[in-house]
């Protein structure tokens, strides 16, 4: 009788262990590896590399990738980051998300106020010459693709240049959330809606409240995506308009939520894990 009890208890224990293991998150097998090289330089390179590792980990978590490894190489760090990954349906998309800059800024445009149209320039040289002998450390020239018709087969807009003030009013460090939203009345065209935290809302509210009719730009990775004039004070909400598909808008929102990379990354090696 005692032996039967022991056998029954053993079966129960094995069953309990099996059930517990089945409830654990599934760990996907790692099948491929990326070696990334950071353009970070100077005395703070180690801090930049560690920050890059954190940002990549956040992006992978947001994508729902259960199994991955992101490791900075070398002691001291040599500027390389090793990313080991499970198989995914779209590797090119994942590589784009991992290496995307994600730097968001909102900056004042140097232009006469509305109702005069925003000041743009046909070439970068023309924009630079407009600075004259003024110091350029508080102004910079950025590319701007004016929005065209987002429907397939129709003009996508013309490239021009604008001058914006430095520093930006707010940047990605002030971001609280970002999400992809369909554009009203325009099928298959998306925009990114974002909100700012309390400190960012205070800064943006102070600037917009004192600059009614002035032009404000939304800058992503050094390119102006949106320019609008200030009708009334804005506190903590904004939009990035452009020719975004649903997937590209969702990917951009994910990148913005995870934070910007502190320095550009490039893929220098891609191999299979054996």
Protein backbone atom coordinates (compact mmCIF):
# COMPACT_ATOMS: atom_id res chain seq x y z
CA UNK A 1 0.00 0.00 0.00
CA UNK A 2 2.83 2.34 0.95
CA UNK A 3 4.59 1.61 -2.33
CA UNK A 4 1.44 2.45 -4.30
CA UNK A 5 1.17 5.72 -2.38
CA UNK A 6 4.77 6.63 -3.19
CA UNK A 7 4.23 5.85 -6.88
CA UNK A 8 1.04 7.91 -6.96
CA UNK A 9 2.83 10.81 -5.24
CA UNK A 10 5.68 10.63 -7.75
CA UNK A 11 3.24 10.72 -10.65
CA UNK A 12 1.51 13.73 -9.12
CA UNK A 13 4.83 15.55 -8.68
CA UNK A 14 5.88 14.86 -12.28
CA UNK A 15 2.49 16.07 -13.50
CA UNK A 16 2.81 19.25 -11.42
CA UNK A 17 6.29 19.95 -12.83
CA UNK A 18 5.01 19.36 -16.37
CA UNK A 19 2.08 21.74 -15.83
CA UNK A 20 4.39 24.43 -14.37
CA UNK A 21 6.74 24.15 -17.35
CA UNK A 22 3.83 24.46 -19.77
CA UNK A 23 2.81 27.74 -18.14
CA UNK A 24 6.26 29.30 -18.59
CA UNK A 25 6.70 31.71 -21.56
CA UNK A 26 7.96 29.90 -24.62
CA UNK A 27 11.64 30.55 -25.38
CA UNK A 28 12.21 30.61 -29.10
CA UNK A 29 15.41 29.06 -30.44
CA UNK A 30 18.05 31.60 -31.45
CA UNK A 31 18.83 31.16 -35.14
CA UNK A 32 20.68 34.27 -36.38
CA UNK A 33 22.98 36.98 -35.17
CA UNK A 34 23.70 40.62 -36.00
CA UNK A 35 26.89 42.48 -35.20
CA UNK A 36 26.23 46.22 -34.91
CA UNK A 37 28.86 48.94 -34.90
CA UNK A 38 28.21 52.23 -33.12
CA UNK A 39 29.55 55.54 -34.38
CA UNK A 40 30.02 56.65 -30.78
CA UNK A 41 33.35 58.28 -30.06
CA UNK A 42 35.05 60.07 -27.22
CA UNK A 43 35.28 59.58 -23.49
CA UNK A 44 31.58 58.74 -23.08
CA UNK A 45 31.59 55.90 -25.64
CA UNK A 46 30.96 53.21 -23.02
CA UNK A 47 27.87 55.03 -21.75
CA UNK A 48 26.59 55.45 -25.32
CA UNK A 49 27.05 51.73 -26.05
CA UNK A 50 25.23 50.71 -22.86
CA UNK A 51 22.39 53.10 -23.65
CA UNK A 52 22.16 51.62 -27.16
CA UNK A 53 21.85 48.11 -25.69
CA UNK A 54 18.98 49.27 -23.47
CA UNK A 55 17.14 50.90 -26.39
CA UNK A 56 17.47 47.78 -28.57
CA UNK A 57 16.18 45.58 -25.72
CA UNK A 58 13.14 47.84 -25.34
CA UNK A 59 12.37 47.62 -29.05
CA UNK A 60 12.59 43.84 -29.05
CA UNK A 61 10.36 43.65 -25.97
CA UNK A 62 7.80 45.95 -27.59
CA UNK A 63 7.78 43.68 -30.65
CA UNK A 64 6.99 40.70 -28.41
CA UNK A 65 10.19 38.82 -29.23
CA UNK A 66 10.43 36.45 -26.27
CA UNK A 67 13.95 35.21 -26.76
CA UNK A 68 16.90 37.40 -27.68
CA UNK A 69 20.28 38.49 -26.44
CA UNK A 70 21.81 41.97 -26.73
CA UNK A 71 25.40 42.19 -25.50
CA UNK A 72 28.06 44.90 -25.77
CA UNK A 73 31.41 43.46 -26.84
CA UNK A 74 34.81 43.85 -25.19
CA UNK A 75 36.26 45.19 -21.96
CA UNK A 76 36.66 48.10 -22.41
CA UNK A 77 33.78 48.24 -24.86
CA UNK A 78 34.94 48.21 -28.48
CA UNK A 79 31.89 49.83 -30.10
CA UNK A 80 30.33 46.53 -31.20
CA UNK A 81 26.99 45.11 -30.07
CA UNK A 82 26.05 41.46 -30.61
CA UNK A 83 22.32 40.79 -31.10
CA UNK A 84 21.17 37.14 -31.18
CA UNK A 85 17.62 36.55 -32.39
CA UNK A 86 15.01 33.86 -33.07
CA UNK A 87 13.60 33.36 -36.54
CA UNK A 88 11.07 36.01 -37.58
CA UNK A 89 8.80 36.42 -40.59
CA UNK A 90 10.40 39.67 -41.81
CA UNK A 91 14.09 40.03 -40.98
CA UNK A 92 14.55 43.22 -43.01
CA UNK A 93 11.80 44.95 -41.07
CA UNK A 94 13.34 43.88 -37.75
CA UNK A 95 16.78 45.10 -38.80
CA UNK A 96 15.27 48.46 -39.74
CA UNK A 97 13.59 48.80 -36.35
CA UNK A 98 16.75 47.85 -34.45
CA UNK A 99 18.93 50.42 -36.26
CA UNK A 100 16.38 53.27 -36.61
CA UNK A 101 17.59 56.54 -35.08
CA UNK A 102 14.28 57.53 -33.48
CA UNK A 103 15.31 61.12 -32.69
CA UNK A 104 12.20 63.30 -32.37
CA UNK A 105 12.36 67.09 -31.96
CA UNK A 106 9.97 70.02 -32.14
CA UNK A 107 11.74 73.17 -33.25
CA UNK A 108 10.79 76.74 -34.13
CA UNK A 109 11.03 77.58 -37.84
CA UNK A 110 12.82 80.80 -38.82
CA UNK A 111 10.12 82.42 -40.95
CA UNK A 112 7.78 85.39 -41.05
CA UNK A 113 4.59 84.47 -39.16
CA UNK A 114 1.29 83.32 -40.66
CA UNK A 115 -0.51 84.43 -42.89
CA UNK A 116 2.78 84.70 -44.79
CA UNK A 117 3.58 81.19 -46.09
CA UNK A 118 6.36 79.40 -44.23
CA UNK A 119 9.82 80.33 -45.52
CA UNK A 120 11.40 77.48 -47.48
CA UNK A 121 14.41 77.36 -49.80
CA UNK A 122 14.95 75.39 -53.00
CA UNK A 123 18.53 74.41 -52.14
CA UNK A 124 20.60 73.91 -49.01
CA UNK A 125 23.08 76.54 -50.21
CA UNK A 126 20.29 79.10 -50.53
CA UNK A 127 19.13 78.32 -46.98
CA UNK A 128 22.66 78.64 -45.61
CA UNK A 129 23.21 81.95 -47.36
CA UNK A 130 20.06 83.31 -45.68
CA UNK A 131 21.88 83.09 -42.36
CA UNK A 132 24.29 85.81 -43.49
CA UNK A 133 26.86 86.62 -40.83
CA UNK A 134 24.59 85.42 -38.01
CA UNK A 135 25.97 82.75 -35.70
CA UNK A 136 24.95 79.29 -36.87
CA UNK A 137 25.25 77.63 -33.45
CA UNK A 138 21.65 78.63 -32.70
CA UNK A 139 20.24 77.79 -36.12
CA UNK A 140 20.49 74.85 -38.50
CA UNK A 141 19.36 74.02 -42.01
CA UNK A 142 17.24 70.88 -42.46
CA UNK A 143 15.60 69.09 -45.42
CA UNK A 144 11.83 69.20 -45.68
CA UNK A 145 9.61 67.18 -48.02
CA UNK A 146 6.34 69.03 -48.35
CA UNK A 147 3.37 66.72 -48.22
CA UNK A 148 1.88 65.74 -51.54
CA UNK A 149 -1.19 63.65 -52.26
CA UNK A 150 -0.78 60.37 -50.33
CA UNK A 151 -2.84 58.32 -52.79
CA UNK A 152 -0.84 55.87 -54.96
CA UNK A 153 0.37 57.24 -58.29
CA UNK A 154 -0.01 60.90 -57.35
CA UNK A 155 2.79 63.40 -56.63
CA UNK A 156 4.45 62.83 -53.27
CA UNK A 157 5.59 66.39 -52.63
CA UNK A 158 8.71 68.44 -53.33
CA UNK A 159 11.95 68.55 -51.35
CA UNK A 160 13.01 71.90 -49.97
CA UNK A 161 15.02 73.28 -47.07
CA UNK A 162 14.10 75.23 -43.94
CA UNK A 163 15.99 76.98 -41.15
CA UNK A 164 15.08 76.01 -37.57
CA UNK A 165 16.21 77.35 -34.23
CA UNK A 166 18.57 75.49 -31.88
CA UNK A 167 18.03 74.07 -29.33
CA UNK A 168 14.73 72.31 -30.00
CA UNK A 169 11.79 73.28 -27.82
CA UNK A 170 11.19 69.65 -26.83
CA UNK A 171 12.71 66.34 -27.91
CA UNK A 172 12.19 62.61 -27.56
CA UNK A 173 13.25 62.64 -23.91
CA UNK A 174 9.99 64.52 -23.23
CA UNK A 175 7.87 61.89 -24.98
CA UNK A 176 5.25 59.99 -22.96
CA UNK A 177 3.51 57.91 -25.63
CA UNK A 178 3.26 57.41 -29.40
CA UNK A 179 0.77 55.47 -31.52
CA UNK A 180 -0.18 55.02 -35.17
CA UNK A 181 -3.53 56.47 -36.22
CA UNK A 182 -5.33 56.47 -39.60
CA UNK A 183 -5.56 59.89 -41.25
CA UNK A 184 -9.09 61.21 -41.38
CA UNK A 185 -10.64 60.89 -44.85
CA UNK A 186 -7.49 59.49 -46.47
CA UNK A 187 -7.59 55.70 -46.92
CA UNK A 188 -4.37 53.75 -46.31
CA UNK A 189 -2.56 56.82 -44.98
CA UNK A 190 -1.43 56.95 -41.36
CA UNK A 191 0.02 59.47 -38.96
CA UNK A 192 1.72 59.19 -35.56
CA UNK A 193 -0.03 60.75 -32.60
CA UNK A 194 2.19 61.49 -29.60
CA UNK A 195 1.88 63.00 -26.15
CA UNK A 196 4.43 64.62 -23.87
CA UNK A 197 5.19 64.23 -20.20
CA UNK A 198 4.67 67.09 -17.70
CA UNK A 199 8.04 68.75 -18.26
CA UNK A 200 7.70 68.62 -22.04
CA UNK A 201 4.13 69.93 -21.87
CA UNK A 202 5.31 72.87 -19.76
CA UNK A 203 8.05 73.78 -22.24
CA UNK A 204 5.84 73.41 -25.31
CA UNK A 205 2.96 75.28 -23.66
CA UNK A 206 5.20 78.20 -22.73
CA UNK A 207 6.61 78.50 -26.26
CA UNK A 208 3.36 78.09 -28.19
CA UNK A 209 1.49 80.42 -25.82
CA UNK A 210 3.91 83.24 -26.62
CA UNK A 211 4.33 82.49 -30.35
CA UNK A 212 0.83 82.49 -31.80
CA UNK A 213 0.96 82.45 -35.65
CA UNK A 214 4.61 81.41 -35.67
CA UNK A 215 5.66 78.20 -37.41
CA UNK A 216 6.60 75.03 -35.56
CA UNK A 217 8.29 71.98 -37.11
CA UNK A 218 8.29 68.31 -36.12
CA UNK A 219 11.74 66.89 -36.92
CA UNK A 220 12.53 63.19 -37.15
CA UNK A 221 16.16 62.04 -37.46
CA UNK A 222 17.23 65.42 -38.80
CA UNK A 223 14.45 65.73 -41.41
CA UNK A 224 11.44 68.02 -41.06
CA UNK A 225 8.27 65.96 -41.35
CA UNK A 226 5.57 68.50 -40.46
CA UNK A 227 5.31 72.29 -40.29
CA UNK A 228 2.27 74.06 -38.86
CA UNK A 229 1.52 77.52 -37.57
CA UNK A 230 0.40 77.98 -33.98
CA UNK A 231 -3.29 78.87 -33.76
CA UNK A 232 -3.52 78.53 -29.98
CA UNK A 233 -1.45 77.31 -27.08
CA UNK A 234 -0.45 73.62 -27.32
CA UNK A 235 0.42 71.68 -24.20
CA UNK A 236 1.07 67.97 -24.55
CA UNK A 237 -0.28 66.63 -27.86
CA UNK A 238 1.17 66.49 -31.37
CA UNK A 239 1.10 64.64 -34.68
CA UNK A 240 3.66 63.56 -37.27
CA UNK A 241 2.07 63.64 -40.69
CA UNK A 242 3.53 62.00 -43.76
CA UNK A 243 3.05 59.28 -46.34
CA UNK A 244 3.02 56.48 -43.78
CA UNK A 245 1.57 53.03 -44.34
CA UNK A 246 -0.02 51.27 -41.38
CA UNK A 247 3.12 49.19 -40.78
CA UNK A 248 5.60 52.04 -41.20
CA UNK A 249 3.55 54.22 -38.81
CA UNK A 250 3.37 51.42 -36.24
CA UNK A 251 7.11 50.78 -36.55
CA UNK A 252 7.91 54.47 -36.12
CA UNK A 253 5.63 54.75 -33.09
CA UNK A 254 7.39 51.73 -31.55
CA UNK A 255 10.82 53.27 -32.20
CA UNK A 256 9.75 56.58 -30.64
CA UNK A 257 8.35 54.86 -27.54
CA UNK A 258 11.59 52.98 -26.98
CA UNK A 259 13.72 56.13 -27.16
CA UNK A 260 16.31 57.37 -29.62
CA UNK A 261 19.63 55.69 -30.19
CA UNK A 262 22.36 57.92 -28.71
CA UNK A 263 24.55 57.37 -31.79
CA UNK A 264 23.98 55.83 -35.24
CA UNK A 265 24.30 52.05 -35.58
CA UNK A 266 25.16 50.06 -38.68
CA UNK A 267 25.06 46.33 -39.32
CA UNK A 268 28.56 45.04 -40.08
CA UNK A 269 27.87 41.30 -39.96
CA UNK A 270 24.91 38.93 -40.17
CA UNK A 271 25.40 35.20 -39.55
CA UNK A 272 23.44 32.06 -38.73
CA UNK A 273 23.75 30.50 -35.27
CA UNK A 274 24.78 26.85 -35.41
